[in-house]
Amino acid sequence: MNIEEFRDYCLAKAGTTEETPFDEDTLVFKVCGKIFALCSIAEYANGINLKCAPEKAVELREQYPQVKPGYHMSKMHWNTVLPEAGLPDTLLKQWTDDSYELVASKLKKTQRQELGLDVA
């Protein structure tokens, strides 16, 4: 998956915005102001940071050589995934979904409802 495909995939998620809050090269995707993915625009192949449940983060690192501890992030809650190192797009999409859902699950109930994430 190239950076344009990754960007489109992230932006298709409800309530997602993109920003460059740190510098002009670091592309950040947020849901209701909370980060769920970030990557370098110029060096996309060096990794995408995705939020992950701590126990799953370690499991993925052990199972896939393309998954590393989160670069410049909490190693407990973030993984850096090498998107152009032979991973199937389906895995990258699933992990992006997991990151989005993990972050969205912590939003206020009203925010989740506005995004269509709470159906009750």
N, C-alpha and C. Protein backbone atom coordinates (compact mmCIF):
# COMPACT_ATOMS: atom_id res chain seq x y z
N MET A 1 0.85 -1.17 0.00
CA MET A 1 0.00 0.00 0.00
C MET A 1 0.90 1.24 0.00
N ASN A 2 0.70 2.11 -0.95
CA ASN A 2 1.51 3.32 -1.00
C ASN A 2 0.87 4.42 -0.13
N ILE A 3 1.55 5.53 0.00
CA ILE A 3 1.09 6.57 0.91
C ILE A 3 -0.25 7.18 0.49
N GLU A 4 -0.50 7.29 -0.81
CA GLU A 4 -1.77 7.85 -1.26
C GLU A 4 -2.93 6.92 -0.89
N GLU A 5 -2.71 5.61 -1.06
CA GLU A 5 -3.74 4.63 -0.70
C GLU A 5 -3.97 4.62 0.82
N PHE A 6 -2.88 4.71 1.57
CA PHE A 6 -3.00 4.75 3.03
C PHE A 6 -3.76 5.99 3.47
N ARG A 7 -3.41 7.13 2.91
CA ARG A 7 -4.09 8.40 3.24
C ARG A 7 -5.57 8.30 2.93
N ASP A 8 -5.92 7.83 1.75
CA ASP A 8 -7.33 7.68 1.37
C ASP A 8 -8.07 6.74 2.33
N TYR A 9 -7.40 5.66 2.72
CA TYR A 9 -8.02 4.68 3.61
C TYR A 9 -8.32 5.32 4.97
N CYS A 10 -7.35 6.06 5.50
CA CYS A 10 -7.56 6.73 6.79
C CYS A 10 -8.66 7.79 6.71
N LEU A 11 -8.61 8.60 5.66
CA LEU A 11 -9.58 9.70 5.55
C LEU A 11 -11.01 9.22 5.31
N ALA A 12 -11.18 7.98 4.87
CA ALA A 12 -12.52 7.44 4.65
C ALA A 12 -13.21 7.08 5.97
N LYS A 13 -12.46 7.06 7.06
CA LYS A 13 -13.03 6.71 8.35
C LYS A 13 -13.77 7.91 8.95
N ALA A 14 -14.89 7.64 9.58
CA ALA A 14 -15.75 8.70 10.14
C ALA A 14 -14.98 9.60 11.10
N GLY A 15 -15.13 10.91 10.90
CA GLY A 15 -14.55 11.88 11.82
C GLY A 15 -13.05 12.07 11.71
N THR A 16 -12.43 11.51 10.68
CA THR A 16 -10.97 11.59 10.54
C THR A 16 -10.54 12.90 9.89
N THR A 17 -9.51 13.47 10.47
CA THR A 17 -8.86 14.65 9.89
C THR A 17 -7.38 14.34 9.72
N GLU A 18 -6.73 15.08 8.84
CA GLU A 18 -5.28 14.96 8.69
C GLU A 18 -4.66 16.30 9.02
N GLU A 19 -3.50 16.24 9.64
CA GLU A 19 -2.79 17.44 10.04
C GLU A 19 -1.29 17.18 9.94
N THR A 20 -0.53 18.26 10.02
CA THR A 20 0.92 18.17 10.13
C THR A 20 1.33 19.03 11.34
N PRO A 21 0.95 18.61 12.55
CA PRO A 21 1.17 19.45 13.74
C PRO A 21 2.62 19.52 14.23
N PHE A 22 3.43 18.54 13.87
CA PHE A 22 4.79 18.48 14.39
C PHE A 22 5.79 19.16 13.46
N ASP A 23 5.63 18.92 12.16
CA ASP A 23 6.47 19.53 11.13
C ASP A 23 5.78 19.27 9.79
N GLU A 24 6.34 19.81 8.72
CA GLU A 24 5.69 19.68 7.41
C GLU A 24 5.80 18.28 6.82
N ASP A 25 6.59 17.39 7.44
CA ASP A 25 6.77 16.05 6.91
C ASP A 25 5.96 14.96 7.64
N THR A 26 5.55 15.22 8.86
CA THR A 26 4.85 14.19 9.64
C THR A 26 3.35 14.33 9.47
N LEU A 27 2.77 13.39 8.75
CA LEU A 27 1.34 13.38 8.47
C LEU A 27 0.63 12.63 9.59
N VAL A 28 -0.33 13.29 10.23
CA VAL A 28 -1.03 12.74 11.38
C VAL A 28 -2.51 12.62 11.07
N PHE A 29 -3.07 11.44 11.39
CA PHE A 29 -4.50 11.20 11.22
C PHE A 29 -5.14 11.11 12.60
N LYS A 30 -6.22 11.88 12.78
CA LYS A 30 -6.89 11.94 14.07
C LYS A 30 -8.38 11.67 13.90
N VAL A 31 -8.97 11.10 14.95
CA VAL A 31 -10.42 10.99 15.03
C VAL A 31 -10.84 11.84 16.23
N CYS A 32 -11.63 12.85 15.97
CA CYS A 32 -12.07 13.78 17.02
C CYS A 32 -10.89 14.32 17.82
N GLY A 33 -9.82 14.66 17.13
CA GLY A 33 -8.66 15.27 17.77
C GLY A 33 -7.68 14.31 18.41
N LYS A 34 -7.93 13.01 18.34
CA LYS A 34 -7.06 12.00 18.95
C LYS A 34 -6.32 11.24 17.86
N ILE A 35 -5.00 11.13 17.97
CA ILE A 35 -4.17 10.48 16.96
C ILE A 35 -4.41 8.97 16.92
N PHE A 36 -4.61 8.45 15.70
CA PHE A 36 -4.65 7.00 15.54
C PHE A 36 -3.61 6.49 14.54
N ALA A 37 -3.01 7.38 13.75
CA ALA A 37 -1.97 6.96 12.80
C ALA A 37 -1.11 8.17 12.44
N LEU A 38 0.18 7.91 12.21
CA LEU A 38 1.05 8.96 11.71
C LEU A 38 2.20 8.34 10.94
N CYS A 39 2.72 9.13 9.99
CA CYS A 39 3.82 8.65 9.16
C CYS A 39 4.55 9.84 8.55
N SER A 40 5.74 9.55 8.05
CA SER A 40 6.51 10.55 7.33
C SER A 40 6.00 10.60 5.89
N ILE A 41 5.85 11.78 5.36
CA ILE A 41 5.46 11.92 3.96
C ILE A 41 6.64 11.55 3.06
N ALA A 42 7.82 12.06 3.38
CA ALA A 42 9.00 11.84 2.54
C ALA A 42 9.58 10.43 2.70
N GLU A 43 9.43 9.85 3.89
CA GLU A 43 10.02 8.54 4.16
C GLU A 43 8.96 7.55 4.62
N TYR A 44 7.88 7.49 3.89
CA TYR A 44 6.73 6.63 4.21
C TYR A 44 7.16 5.18 4.44
N ALA A 45 8.07 4.69 3.64
CA ALA A 45 8.50 3.29 3.74
C ALA A 45 9.15 2.97 5.09
N ASN A 46 9.61 4.01 5.80
CA ASN A 46 10.25 3.79 7.10
C ASN A 46 9.26 3.51 8.22
N GLY A 47 7.97 3.65 7.93
CA GLY A 47 7.01 3.21 8.93
C GLY A 47 5.82 4.11 9.16
N ILE A 48 4.74 3.43 9.54
CA ILE A 48 3.50 4.06 9.97
C ILE A 48 3.34 3.70 11.44
N ASN A 49 3.08 4.68 12.29
CA ASN A 49 2.81 4.39 13.69
C ASN A 49 1.31 4.19 13.87
N LEU A 50 0.96 3.06 14.48
CA LEU A 50 -0.44 2.71 14.74
C LEU A 50 -0.59 2.33 16.20
N LYS A 51 -1.67 2.78 16.81
CA LYS A 51 -1.95 2.43 18.20
C LYS A 51 -2.39 0.97 18.26
N CYS A 52 -2.07 0.32 19.38
CA CYS A 52 -2.36 -1.10 19.49
C CYS A 52 -2.51 -1.46 20.97
N ALA A 53 -3.37 -2.41 21.26
CA ALA A 53 -3.48 -2.93 22.63
C ALA A 53 -2.13 -3.51 23.02
N PRO A 54 -1.67 -3.26 24.25
CA PRO A 54 -0.32 -3.68 24.65
C PRO A 54 0.01 -5.14 24.39
N GLU A 55 -0.86 -6.05 24.75
CA GLU A 55 -0.56 -7.47 24.56
C GLU A 55 -0.52 -7.85 23.08
N LYS A 56 -1.37 -7.22 22.29
CA LYS A 56 -1.37 -7.50 20.86
C LYS A 56 -0.14 -6.88 20.18
N ALA A 57 0.29 -5.72 20.68
CA ALA A 57 1.46 -5.05 20.11
C ALA A 57 2.68 -5.97 20.16
N VAL A 58 2.90 -6.58 21.29
CA VAL A 58 4.04 -7.49 21.46
C VAL A 58 3.87 -8.71 20.56
N GLU A 59 2.67 -9.25 20.51
CA GLU A 59 2.39 -10.42 19.67
C GLU A 59 2.71 -10.14 18.20
N LEU A 60 2.28 -8.98 17.70
CA LEU A 60 2.52 -8.63 16.30
C LEU A 60 4.01 -8.46 16.01
N ARG A 61 4.74 -7.87 16.96
CA ARG A 61 6.18 -7.70 16.79
C ARG A 61 6.90 -9.04 16.71
N GLU A 62 6.41 -10.00 17.50
CA GLU A 62 7.02 -11.32 17.49
C GLU A 62 6.68 -12.10 16.23
N GLN A 63 5.49 -11.86 15.69
CA GLN A 63 5.01 -12.61 14.53
C GLN A 63 5.47 -12.04 13.19
N TYR A 64 5.64 -10.72 13.11
CA TYR A 64 5.94 -10.07 11.83
C TYR A 64 7.22 -9.22 11.94
N PRO A 65 8.22 -9.51 11.13
CA PRO A 65 9.44 -8.69 11.17
C PRO A 65 9.21 -7.25 10.69
N GLN A 66 8.09 -7.01 10.02
CA GLN A 66 7.76 -5.66 9.53
C GLN A 66 7.12 -4.79 10.61
N VAL A 67 6.94 -5.34 11.81
CA VAL A 67 6.33 -4.59 12.92
C VAL A 67 7.37 -4.39 14.01
N LYS A 68 7.58 -3.14 14.36
CA LYS A 68 8.59 -2.75 15.35
C LYS A 68 7.92 -1.96 16.48
N PRO A 69 8.61 -1.80 17.60
CA PRO A 69 8.07 -0.93 18.65
C PRO A 69 7.89 0.49 18.09
N GLY A 70 6.87 1.18 18.56
CA GLY A 70 6.55 2.51 18.05
C GLY A 70 7.71 3.48 18.12
N TYR A 71 8.08 4.04 16.97
CA TYR A 71 9.17 4.99 16.86
C TYR A 71 8.73 6.33 17.43
N HIS A 72 9.45 6.84 18.43
CA HIS A 72 9.14 8.11 19.09
C HIS A 72 7.77 8.11 19.76
N MET A 73 7.27 6.92 20.12
CA MET A 73 5.97 6.80 20.76
C MET A 73 6.11 5.84 21.94
N SER A 74 5.06 5.72 22.72
CA SER A 74 5.05 4.74 23.80
C SER A 74 5.17 3.35 23.19
N LYS A 75 6.22 2.65 23.55
CA LYS A 75 6.45 1.31 22.99
C LYS A 75 5.38 0.32 23.45
N MET A 76 4.70 0.65 24.54
CA MET A 76 3.67 -0.23 25.05
C MET A 76 2.40 -0.15 24.21
N HIS A 77 2.09 1.03 23.70
CA HIS A 77 0.80 1.25 23.04
C HIS A 77 0.89 1.50 21.54
N TRP A 78 2.10 1.59 20.99
CA TRP A 78 2.24 1.92 19.58
C TRP A 78 3.21 0.97 18.89
N ASN A 79 2.89 0.63 17.66
CA ASN A 79 3.79 -0.13 16.79
C ASN A 79 4.13 0.72 15.57
N THR A 80 5.31 0.52 15.05
CA THR A 80 5.69 1.08 13.76
C THR A 80 5.66 -0.06 12.76
N VAL A 81 4.84 0.11 11.72
CA VAL A 81 4.65 -0.92 10.70
C VAL A 81 5.33 -0.45 9.42
N LEU A 82 6.15 -1.32 8.83
CA LEU A 82 6.83 -0.99 7.58
C LEU A 82 5.88 -1.34 6.43
N PRO A 83 5.24 -0.33 5.84
CA PRO A 83 4.16 -0.59 4.89
C PRO A 83 4.59 -1.13 3.53
N GLU A 84 5.84 -0.98 3.19
CA GLU A 84 6.30 -1.42 1.87
C GLU A 84 7.30 -2.58 2.00
N ALA A 85 7.17 -3.36 3.07
CA ALA A 85 8.11 -4.45 3.33
C ALA A 85 7.46 -5.81 3.15
N GLY A 86 6.47 -5.89 2.26
CA GLY A 86 5.89 -7.18 1.92
C GLY A 86 4.67 -7.60 2.71
N LEU A 87 4.13 -6.71 3.54
CA LEU A 87 2.89 -7.04 4.25
C LEU A 87 1.70 -6.95 3.29
N PRO A 88 0.76 -7.87 3.41
CA PRO A 88 -0.46 -7.74 2.60
C PRO A 88 -1.24 -6.48 3.01
N ASP A 89 -1.83 -5.81 2.05
CA ASP A 89 -2.64 -4.62 2.33
C ASP A 89 -3.74 -4.92 3.33
N THR A 90 -4.27 -6.15 3.28
CA THR A 90 -5.36 -6.50 4.20
C THR A 90 -4.91 -6.40 5.66
N LEU A 91 -3.67 -6.79 5.95
CA LEU A 91 -3.15 -6.68 7.31
C LEU A 91 -2.98 -5.22 7.72
N LEU A 92 -2.40 -4.43 6.84
CA LEU A 92 -2.20 -3.01 7.15
C LEU A 92 -3.55 -2.33 7.37
N LYS A 93 -4.53 -2.67 6.56
CA LYS A 93 -5.87 -2.09 6.74
C LYS A 93 -6.48 -2.55 8.06
N GLN A 94 -6.33 -3.82 8.40
CA GLN A 94 -6.88 -4.33 9.65
C GLN A 94 -6.24 -3.65 10.85
N TRP A 95 -4.93 -3.48 10.82
CA TRP A 95 -4.24 -2.83 11.94
C TRP A 95 -4.60 -1.35 12.02
N THR A 96 -4.83 -0.72 10.88
CA THR A 96 -5.29 0.67 10.88
C THR A 96 -6.69 0.75 11.46
N ASP A 97 -7.55 -0.18 11.07
CA ASP A 97 -8.90 -0.25 11.65
C ASP A 97 -8.83 -0.44 13.16
N ASP A 98 -7.97 -1.35 13.60
CA ASP A 98 -7.83 -1.62 15.04
C ASP A 98 -7.38 -0.36 15.78
N SER A 99 -6.43 0.37 15.20
CA SER A 99 -5.93 1.59 15.82
C SER A 99 -7.06 2.63 15.92
N TYR A 100 -7.77 2.82 14.83
CA TYR A 100 -8.89 3.77 14.81
C TYR A 100 -9.93 3.38 15.87
N GLU A 101 -10.31 2.12 15.89
CA GLU A 101 -11.34 1.66 16.83
C GLU A 101 -10.89 1.78 18.27
N LEU A 102 -9.62 1.50 18.53
CA LEU A 102 -9.08 1.63 19.88
C LEU A 102 -9.16 3.08 20.35
N VAL A 103 -8.77 4.00 19.50
CA VAL A 103 -8.83 5.42 19.85
C VAL A 103 -10.28 5.88 19.94
N ALA A 104 -11.11 5.50 18.99
CA ALA A 104 -12.52 5.92 18.99
C ALA A 104 -13.28 5.38 20.20
N SER A 105 -12.87 4.21 20.69
CA SER A 105 -13.56 3.62 21.84
C SER A 105 -13.40 4.48 23.10
N LYS A 106 -12.40 5.35 23.12
CA LYS A 106 -12.15 6.21 24.28
C LYS A 106 -12.82 7.57 24.15
N LEU A 107 -13.49 7.83 23.04
CA LEU A 107 -14.18 9.10 22.85
C LEU A 107 -15.42 9.16 23.72
N LYS A 108 -15.92 10.36 23.93
CA LYS A 108 -17.17 10.53 24.67
C LYS A 108 -18.30 9.84 23.90
N LYS A 109 -19.29 9.39 24.65
CA LYS A 109 -20.41 8.68 24.02
C LYS A 109 -21.07 9.53 22.95
N THR A 110 -21.23 10.82 23.20
CA THR A 110 -21.86 11.69 22.21
C THR A 110 -21.03 11.79 20.93
N GLN A 111 -19.70 11.83 21.09
CA GLN A 111 -18.83 11.87 19.91
C GLN A 111 -18.97 10.58 19.10
N ARG A 112 -18.98 9.46 19.81
CA ARG A 112 -19.12 8.16 19.13
C ARG A 112 -20.46 8.09 18.39
N GLN A 113 -21.49 8.58 19.00
CA GLN A 113 -22.81 8.57 18.37
C GLN A 113 -22.83 9.46 17.13
N GLU A 114 -22.22 10.63 17.23
CA GLU A 114 -22.14 11.54 16.08
C GLU A 114 -21.40 10.90 14.91
N LEU A 115 -20.45 10.06 15.22
CA LEU A 115 -19.68 9.37 14.17
C LEU A 115 -20.39 8.11 13.68
N GLY A 116 -21.48 7.76 14.32
CA GLY A 116 -22.20 6.54 13.94
C GLY A 116 -21.54 5.28 14.47
N LEU A 117 -20.75 5.42 15.54
CA LEU A 117 -20.03 4.28 16.09
C LEU A 117 -20.79 3.59 17.22
N ASP A 118 -21.71 4.29 17.85
CA ASP A 118 -22.54 3.70 18.90
C ASP A 118 -23.95 3.59 18.35
N VAL A 119 -24.38 2.37 18.19
CA VAL A 119 -25.74 2.14 17.66
C VAL A 119 -26.58 1.59 18.81
N ALA A 120 -27.14 2.52 19.59
CA ALA A 120 -27.98 2.10 20.72
C ALA A 120 -29.03 3.14 21.00
